[in-house]
């Protein structure tokens, strides 16, 4: 189911694997920020990180082994911009 959803998203949007990670990570974070009403709230960032880690565990179970380079790239792609924006909000820059 998990892999079918990812394949459907890729086919429907025409986006590659890495770009999907960026967009889905940002979507989860933006929805969390909208619900929290505060761009500096920590829990939307935690939700993005947990969602990505769960995704990687599902990938590990599906593939049968860790693919460290791919896993690392997926994590960075998913959490980079939410971490940057959260940090900027917490430092008062935005």
C-alpha atoms as a PDB file:
ATOM      1  CA  UNK A   1       0.000   0.000   0.000  1.00  0.00           C
ATOM      2  CA  UNK A   2       2.715   2.458   1.023  1.00  0.00           C
ATOM      3  CA  UNK A   3       4.765   1.857  -2.110  1.00  0.00           C
ATOM      4  CA  UNK A   4       1.673   1.965  -4.349  1.00  0.00           C
ATOM      5  CA  UNK A   5       0.773   5.377  -2.923  1.00  0.00           C
ATOM      6  CA  UNK A   6       4.285   6.665  -3.613  1.00  0.00           C
ATOM      7  CA  UNK A   7       4.208   5.314  -7.164  1.00  0.00           C
ATOM      8  CA  UNK A   8       0.767   6.832  -7.729  1.00  0.00           C
ATOM      9  CA  UNK A   9       1.993  10.228  -6.489  1.00  0.00           C
ATOM     10  CA  UNK A  10       5.052  10.094  -8.732  1.00  0.00           C
ATOM     11  CA  UNK A  11       3.003   9.076 -11.769  1.00  0.00           C
ATOM     12  CA  UNK A  12       0.221  11.584 -11.095  1.00  0.00           C
ATOM     13  CA  UNK A  13       2.459  14.580 -10.412  1.00  0.00           C
ATOM     14  CA  UNK A  14       5.296  13.711 -12.774  1.00  0.00           C
ATOM     15  CA  UNK A  15       7.760  14.581 -10.005  1.00  0.00           C
ATOM     16  CA  UNK A  16      10.859  12.538  -9.314  1.00  0.00           C
ATOM     17  CA  UNK A  17      11.544  10.769  -6.021  1.00  0.00           C
ATOM     18  CA  UNK A  18      13.719  13.525  -4.515  1.00  0.00           C
ATOM     19  CA  UNK A  19      11.337  16.333  -5.440  1.00  0.00           C
ATOM     20  CA  UNK A  20       8.414  14.442  -3.927  1.00  0.00           C
ATOM     21  CA  UNK A  21      10.307  14.241  -0.633  1.00  0.00           C
ATOM     22  CA  UNK A  22      10.849  18.007  -0.656  1.00  0.00           C
ATOM     23  CA  UNK A  23       7.217  18.791  -1.449  1.00  0.00           C
ATOM     24  CA  UNK A  24       5.661  16.268   0.928  1.00  0.00           C
ATOM     25  CA  UNK A  25       7.941  17.367   3.773  1.00  0.00           C
ATOM     26  CA  UNK A  26       6.982  20.988   3.189  1.00  0.00           C
ATOM     27  CA  UNK A  27       3.282  20.123   2.862  1.00  0.00           C
ATOM     28  CA  UNK A  28       3.266  18.281   6.182  1.00  0.00           C
ATOM     29  CA  UNK A  29       5.110  21.148   7.862  1.00  0.00           C
ATOM     30  CA  UNK A  30       2.895  23.893   6.392  1.00  0.00           C
ATOM     31  CA  UNK A  31      -0.288  22.067   7.432  1.00  0.00           C
ATOM     32  CA  UNK A  32       1.169  21.641  10.922  1.00  0.00           C
ATOM     33  CA  UNK A  33       2.096  25.322  11.118  1.00  0.00           C
ATOM     34  CA  UNK A  34      -1.387  26.311   9.928  1.00  0.00           C
ATOM     35  CA  UNK A  35      -2.976  24.140  12.622  1.00  0.00           C
ATOM     36  CA  UNK A  36      -0.557  25.430  15.276  1.00  0.00           C
ATOM     37  CA  UNK A  37      -0.945  29.035  14.152  1.00  0.00           C
ATOM     38  CA  UNK A  38       2.753  29.596  14.809  1.00  0.00           C
ATOM     39  CA  UNK A  39       5.603  29.160  12.354  1.00  0.00           C
ATOM     40  CA  UNK A  40       7.963  28.642  15.280  1.00  0.00           C
ATOM     41  CA  UNK A  41       5.988  25.796  16.855  1.00  0.00           C
ATOM     42  CA  UNK A  42       8.171  22.736  17.331  1.00  0.00           C
ATOM     43  CA  UNK A  43       5.577  19.992  16.873  1.00  0.00           C
ATOM     44  CA  UNK A  44       5.048  20.501  13.098  1.00  0.00           C
ATOM     45  CA  UNK A  45       8.777  19.945  12.636  1.00  0.00           C
ATOM     46  CA  UNK A  46       8.649  16.851  14.849  1.00  0.00           C
ATOM     47  CA  UNK A  47       5.752  15.498  12.764  1.00  0.00           C
ATOM     48  CA  UNK A  48       7.786  15.952   9.545  1.00  0.00           C
ATOM     49  CA  UNK A  49      10.789  14.174  11.057  1.00  0.00           C
ATOM     50  CA  UNK A  50       8.709  11.301  12.451  1.00  0.00           C
ATOM     51  CA  UNK A  51       6.766  10.922   9.171  1.00  0.00           C
ATOM     52  CA  UNK A  52      10.018  10.726   7.209  1.00  0.00           C
ATOM     53  CA  UNK A  53      11.572   8.219   9.605  1.00  0.00           C
ATOM     54  CA  UNK A  54       8.450   6.042   9.400  1.00  0.00           C
ATOM     55  CA  UNK A  55       8.617   6.282   5.602  1.00  0.00           C
ATOM     56  CA  UNK A  56      12.234   5.119   5.668  1.00  0.00           C
ATOM     57  CA  UNK A  57      11.365   2.183   7.935  1.00  0.00           C
ATOM     58  CA  UNK A  58       8.669   1.137   5.446  1.00  0.00           C
ATOM     59  CA  UNK A  59      11.227   1.430   2.642  1.00  0.00           C
ATOM     60  CA  UNK A  60      13.658  -0.699   4.654  1.00  0.00           C
ATOM     61  CA  UNK A  61      11.025  -3.370   5.209  1.00  0.00           C
ATOM     62  CA  UNK A  62      10.060  -3.352   1.526  1.00  0.00           C
ATOM     63  CA  UNK A  63      13.645  -3.492   0.198  1.00  0.00           C
ATOM     64  CA  UNK A  64      15.047  -5.805   2.871  1.00  0.00           C
ATOM     65  CA  UNK A  65      18.102  -3.727   3.776  1.00  0.00           C
ATOM     66  CA  UNK A  66      19.124  -0.181   4.512  1.00  0.00           C
ATOM     67  CA  UNK A  67      20.332   1.833   1.535  1.00  0.00           C
ATOM     68  CA  UNK A  68      22.213   4.441   3.532  1.00  0.00           C
ATOM     69  CA  UNK A  69      22.912   6.874   0.683  1.00  0.00           C
ATOM     70  CA  UNK A  70      19.275   6.832  -0.445  1.00  0.00           C
ATOM     71  CA  UNK A  71      17.941   7.002   3.114  1.00  0.00           C
ATOM     72  CA  UNK A  72      20.196   9.951   3.966  1.00  0.00           C
ATOM     73  CA  UNK A  73      19.196  11.812   0.820  1.00  0.00           C
ATOM     74  CA  UNK A  74      15.493  11.187   1.498  1.00  0.00           C
ATOM     75  CA  UNK A  75      15.780  12.475   5.069  1.00  0.00           C
ATOM     76  CA  UNK A  76      17.668  15.602   4.023  1.00  0.00           C
ATOM     77  CA  UNK A  77      15.221  16.309   1.193  1.00  0.00           C
ATOM     78  CA  UNK A  78      12.230  15.892   3.490  1.00  0.00           C
ATOM     79  CA  UNK A  79      13.358  17.924   6.477  1.00  0.00           C
ATOM     80  CA  UNK A  80      15.810  20.534   5.147  1.00  0.00           C
ATOM     81  CA  UNK A  81      13.389  23.364   4.363  1.00  0.00           C
ATOM     82  CA  UNK A  82      11.140  22.800   7.361  1.00  0.00           C
ATOM     83  CA  UNK A  83      14.258  22.907   9.591  1.00  0.00           C
ATOM     84  CA  UNK A  84      15.526  26.076   7.876  1.00  0.00           C
ATOM     85  CA  UNK A  85      12.184  27.867   8.154  1.00  0.00           C
ATOM     86  CA  UNK A  86      11.630  26.713  11.732  1.00  0.00           C
ATOM     87  CA  UNK A  87      15.121  27.939  12.681  1.00  0.00           C
ATOM     88  CA  UNK A  88      14.564  31.296  11.004  1.00  0.00           C
ATOM     89  CA  UNK A  89      11.254  31.675  12.845  1.00  0.00           C
ATOM     90  CA  UNK A  90      12.798  30.767  16.174  1.00  0.00           C
ATOM     91  CA  UNK A  91      15.636  33.249  15.696  1.00  0.00           C
ATOM     92  CA  UNK A  92      13.135  35.987  14.809  1.00  0.00           C
ATOM     93  CA  UNK A  93      14.334  36.437  11.234  1.00  0.00           C
ATOM     94  CA  UNK A  94      10.875  35.563   9.893  1.00  0.00           C
END
